[in-house]
Amino acid sequence: PYHVLVQNLITAKGLWTNKPETNFITVTFDNVKPNRPNPERLAGRVSRGFLGIRLDCAQCHDHPFERWSQRDFQGLAAFFAQIEQGFSGIQDGQGELEHEDRKSGKKEVIEPSVPFLTEQLPEHGTRRERLAAWVTSPKNPYFARAAVNRVWALMFGRPLVEPVDNIPTDKPLPPALTLLADDF
């Protein structure tokens, strides 16, 4: 099932040679922190790919056109701050997401949090397991909408809502998207 595939991508551990889903994580590696993926890029991939929202537009400041705040984005990125790569591949280790205030220069540790439906975030499991369960929860309408919109785009050449990775939260959705997402 699609929700299991998405959970496997978000929680992937091991070497890419026998766990290809780890490539979802390793593609975000950069030279900033050796042997660690970029948590911000992962948060952007998850929000666009599996929730159909451009939460990464709030990376540097509150989103100018949507309700997403910079804190929403940072909280999502914090779920990925403990990932590291070693001889056994991708694994969960130690680490926190730190944010430096550009004006004051003060650093603060960002706690993992989700931007909506906070009551649906499980209390137990690793950070990524908790996030994966929240993203794919049957009570998370964003997951179903994003999946349906992408499949529609693949089947018919264009999504029901454009752009495919940014379903608006302040406008009525096409009835077909709502109907199919409810069924999904």
Protein backbone atom coordinates (compact mmCIF):
# COMPACT_ATOMS: atom_id res chain seq x y z
CA PRO A 1 0.00 0.00 0.00
CA TYR A 2 1.05 3.57 -0.70
CA HIS A 3 1.08 4.60 2.96
CA VAL A 4 3.54 1.79 3.76
CA LEU A 5 5.80 2.87 0.89
CA VAL A 6 5.82 6.45 2.23
CA GLN A 7 6.49 5.24 5.78
CA ASN A 8 9.43 3.19 4.48
CA LEU A 9 10.88 6.22 2.69
CA ILE A 10 10.66 8.45 5.75
CA THR A 11 12.01 5.84 8.21
CA ALA A 12 14.59 4.17 5.93
CA LYS A 13 17.66 2.63 7.58
CA GLY A 14 20.55 0.63 6.19
CA LEU A 15 22.66 0.60 3.04
CA TRP A 16 21.29 1.66 -0.33
CA THR A 17 22.49 -1.64 -1.85
CA ASN A 18 19.81 -3.63 -0.03
CA LYS A 19 17.52 -0.80 1.14
CA PRO A 20 17.00 1.45 -1.89
CA GLU A 21 14.48 3.56 0.02
CA THR A 22 17.45 5.10 1.87
CA ASN A 23 18.14 7.09 -1.31
CA PHE A 24 15.20 9.30 -0.35
CA ILE A 25 17.44 10.45 2.50
CA THR A 26 20.93 10.22 0.99
CA VAL A 27 20.03 12.47 -1.95
CA THR A 28 19.87 15.36 0.54
CA PHE A 29 23.46 14.97 1.75
CA ASP A 30 25.62 18.04 1.26
CA ASN A 31 29.02 19.17 2.46
CA VAL A 32 27.74 21.24 5.37
CA LYS A 33 27.65 18.37 7.87
CA PRO A 34 29.62 15.30 6.79
CA ASN A 35 27.74 12.00 7.07
CA ARG A 36 24.46 13.77 7.81
CA PRO A 37 21.60 14.62 5.49
CA ASN A 38 20.18 18.11 5.26
CA PRO A 39 17.12 18.16 7.57
CA GLU A 40 15.67 21.20 5.84
CA ARG A 41 15.78 19.55 2.42
CA LEU A 42 14.13 16.44 3.87
CA ALA A 43 11.37 18.53 5.44
CA GLY A 44 10.77 20.18 2.08
CA ARG A 45 10.65 16.82 0.29
CA VAL A 46 8.16 15.41 2.78
CA SER A 47 5.89 18.46 2.81
CA ARG A 48 5.79 18.83 -0.98
CA GLY A 49 5.80 15.15 -1.91
CA PHE A 50 3.50 13.66 0.70
CA LEU A 51 1.42 16.57 2.00
CA GLY A 52 1.07 18.69 -1.13
CA ILE A 53 2.17 21.88 0.64
CA ARG A 54 5.19 24.08 0.12
CA LEU A 55 6.10 24.37 3.76
CA ASP A 56 9.71 24.97 2.75
CA CYS A 57 8.66 28.46 1.60
CA ALA A 58 8.66 29.24 5.34
CA GLN A 59 12.28 28.18 5.79
CA CYS A 60 13.65 31.70 6.25
CA HIS A 61 10.50 33.62 7.26
CA ASP A 62 6.80 33.08 7.73
CA HIS A 63 5.08 32.12 4.49
CA PRO A 64 3.78 35.27 2.77
CA PHE A 65 0.60 33.71 1.31
CA GLU A 66 -0.21 30.72 3.51
CA ARG A 67 -0.59 30.15 7.22
CA TRP A 68 2.75 28.34 7.61
CA SER A 69 5.31 29.86 9.93
CA GLN A 70 9.05 29.47 10.05
CA ARG A 71 8.56 27.55 13.31
CA ASP A 72 6.29 25.07 11.47
CA PHE A 73 9.02 24.36 8.96
CA GLN A 74 11.77 24.09 11.57
CA GLY A 75 9.67 21.73 13.68
CA LEU A 76 9.24 19.40 10.70
CA ALA A 77 12.95 19.55 9.86
CA ALA A 78 13.84 18.66 13.47
CA PHE A 79 12.45 15.16 12.93
CA PHE A 80 15.43 14.50 10.65
CA ALA A 81 18.21 15.99 12.79
CA GLN A 82 19.29 12.65 14.29
CA ILE A 83 19.98 10.85 11.01
CA GLU A 84 23.58 9.90 10.34
CA GLN A 85 25.43 7.68 7.91
CA GLY A 86 28.01 5.15 9.01
CA PHE A 87 29.45 1.86 7.80
CA SER A 88 26.05 0.23 8.16
CA GLY A 89 24.34 2.99 6.18
CA ILE A 90 21.59 5.31 7.32
CA GLN A 91 20.69 5.13 10.99
CA ASP A 92 19.23 7.22 13.78
CA GLY A 93 21.86 8.67 16.09
CA GLN A 94 22.15 11.72 18.25
CA GLY A 95 21.61 15.31 17.31
CA GLU A 96 19.28 18.24 17.46
CA LEU A 97 18.31 20.89 14.97
CA GLU A 98 19.77 24.23 15.94
CA HIS A 99 18.57 27.55 14.61
CA GLU A 100 20.63 30.69 14.79
CA ASP A 101 18.74 33.96 14.97
CA ARG A 102 20.30 36.17 12.30
CA LYS A 103 19.69 39.36 14.24
CA SER A 104 20.82 38.36 17.72
CA GLY A 105 23.19 35.51 16.84
CA LYS A 106 21.60 33.36 19.55
CA LYS A 107 21.26 29.66 18.88
CA GLU A 108 18.29 27.63 20.00
CA VAL A 109 17.44 23.94 19.78
CA ILE A 110 14.29 23.25 17.77
CA GLU A 111 12.02 20.52 19.07
CA PRO A 112 10.31 18.26 16.53
CA SER A 113 6.74 19.37 15.89
CA VAL A 114 4.09 19.17 13.20
CA PRO A 115 2.31 22.21 11.72
CA PHE A 116 -1.26 20.92 12.11
CA LEU A 117 -3.22 18.01 13.57
CA THR A 118 -0.76 17.88 16.47
CA GLU A 119 -3.05 15.50 18.35
CA GLN A 120 -2.42 12.89 15.63
CA LEU A 121 1.34 12.76 16.27
CA PRO A 122 2.11 9.49 18.10
CA GLU A 123 3.92 9.72 21.42
CA HIS A 124 6.03 6.59 20.98
CA GLY A 125 8.65 5.52 18.45
CA THR A 126 11.68 7.18 16.94
CA ARG A 127 11.29 10.68 15.61
CA ARG A 128 11.02 9.49 12.04
CA GLU A 129 8.60 6.67 12.94
CA ARG A 130 6.36 9.19 14.67
CA LEU A 131 6.53 11.56 11.70
CA ALA A 132 5.81 8.78 9.20
CA ALA A 133 2.75 7.67 11.19
CA TRP A 134 1.51 11.27 11.34
CA VAL A 135 2.06 11.95 7.62
CA THR A 136 0.24 8.78 6.55
CA SER A 137 -2.52 8.87 9.16
CA PRO A 138 -5.99 8.27 7.72
CA LYS A 139 -7.03 11.41 9.64
CA ASN A 140 -4.48 13.56 7.77
CA PRO A 141 -6.40 14.95 4.77
CA TYR A 142 -3.26 16.47 3.26
CA PHE A 143 -1.72 13.04 2.61
CA ALA A 144 -4.74 11.74 0.71
CA ARG A 145 -5.14 14.97 -1.29
CA ALA A 146 -1.49 14.99 -2.31
CA ALA A 147 -1.57 11.34 -3.37
CA VAL A 148 -4.78 11.70 -5.38
CA ASN A 149 -3.59 14.89 -7.06
CA ARG A 150 -0.31 13.24 -8.11
CA VAL A 151 -1.97 10.11 -9.44
CA TRP A 152 -4.48 12.24 -11.35
CA ALA A 153 -1.59 14.19 -12.87
CA LEU A 154 0.13 10.97 -13.94
CA MET A 155 -3.02 9.48 -15.41
CA PHE A 156 -4.43 12.55 -17.15
CA GLY A 157 -1.38 14.70 -17.88
CA ARG A 158 -2.21 17.45 -15.39
CA PRO A 159 -3.20 17.58 -11.72
CA LEU A 160 -6.60 18.56 -10.44
CA VAL A 161 -4.89 21.39 -8.55
CA GLU A 162 -1.79 23.12 -9.88
CA PRO A 163 0.97 23.14 -8.97
CA VAL A 164 0.89 19.51 -7.92
CA ASP A 165 3.04 20.10 -4.83
CA ASN A 166 1.12 23.10 -3.48
CA ILE A 167 -2.55 22.45 -2.84
CA PRO A 168 -3.95 25.69 -1.39
CA THR A 169 -5.42 25.63 2.09
CA ASP A 170 -7.47 28.80 1.77
CA LYS A 171 -9.47 28.03 -1.39
CA PRO A 172 -12.20 25.49 -2.11
CA LEU A 173 -10.89 22.28 -3.62
CA PRO A 174 -12.32 20.73 -6.78
CA PRO A 175 -15.15 18.35 -5.83
CA ALA A 176 -13.40 15.49 -7.63
CA LEU A 177 -10.28 15.91 -5.49
CA THR A 178 -12.31 15.97 -2.28
CA LEU A 179 -14.36 12.91 -3.30
CA LEU A 180 -11.32 10.87 -4.36
CA ALA A 181 -9.24 11.92 -1.34
CA ASP A 182 -12.05 10.92 1.03
CA ASP A 183 -12.18 7.51 -0.66
CA PHE A 184 -8.37 7.16 -0.66
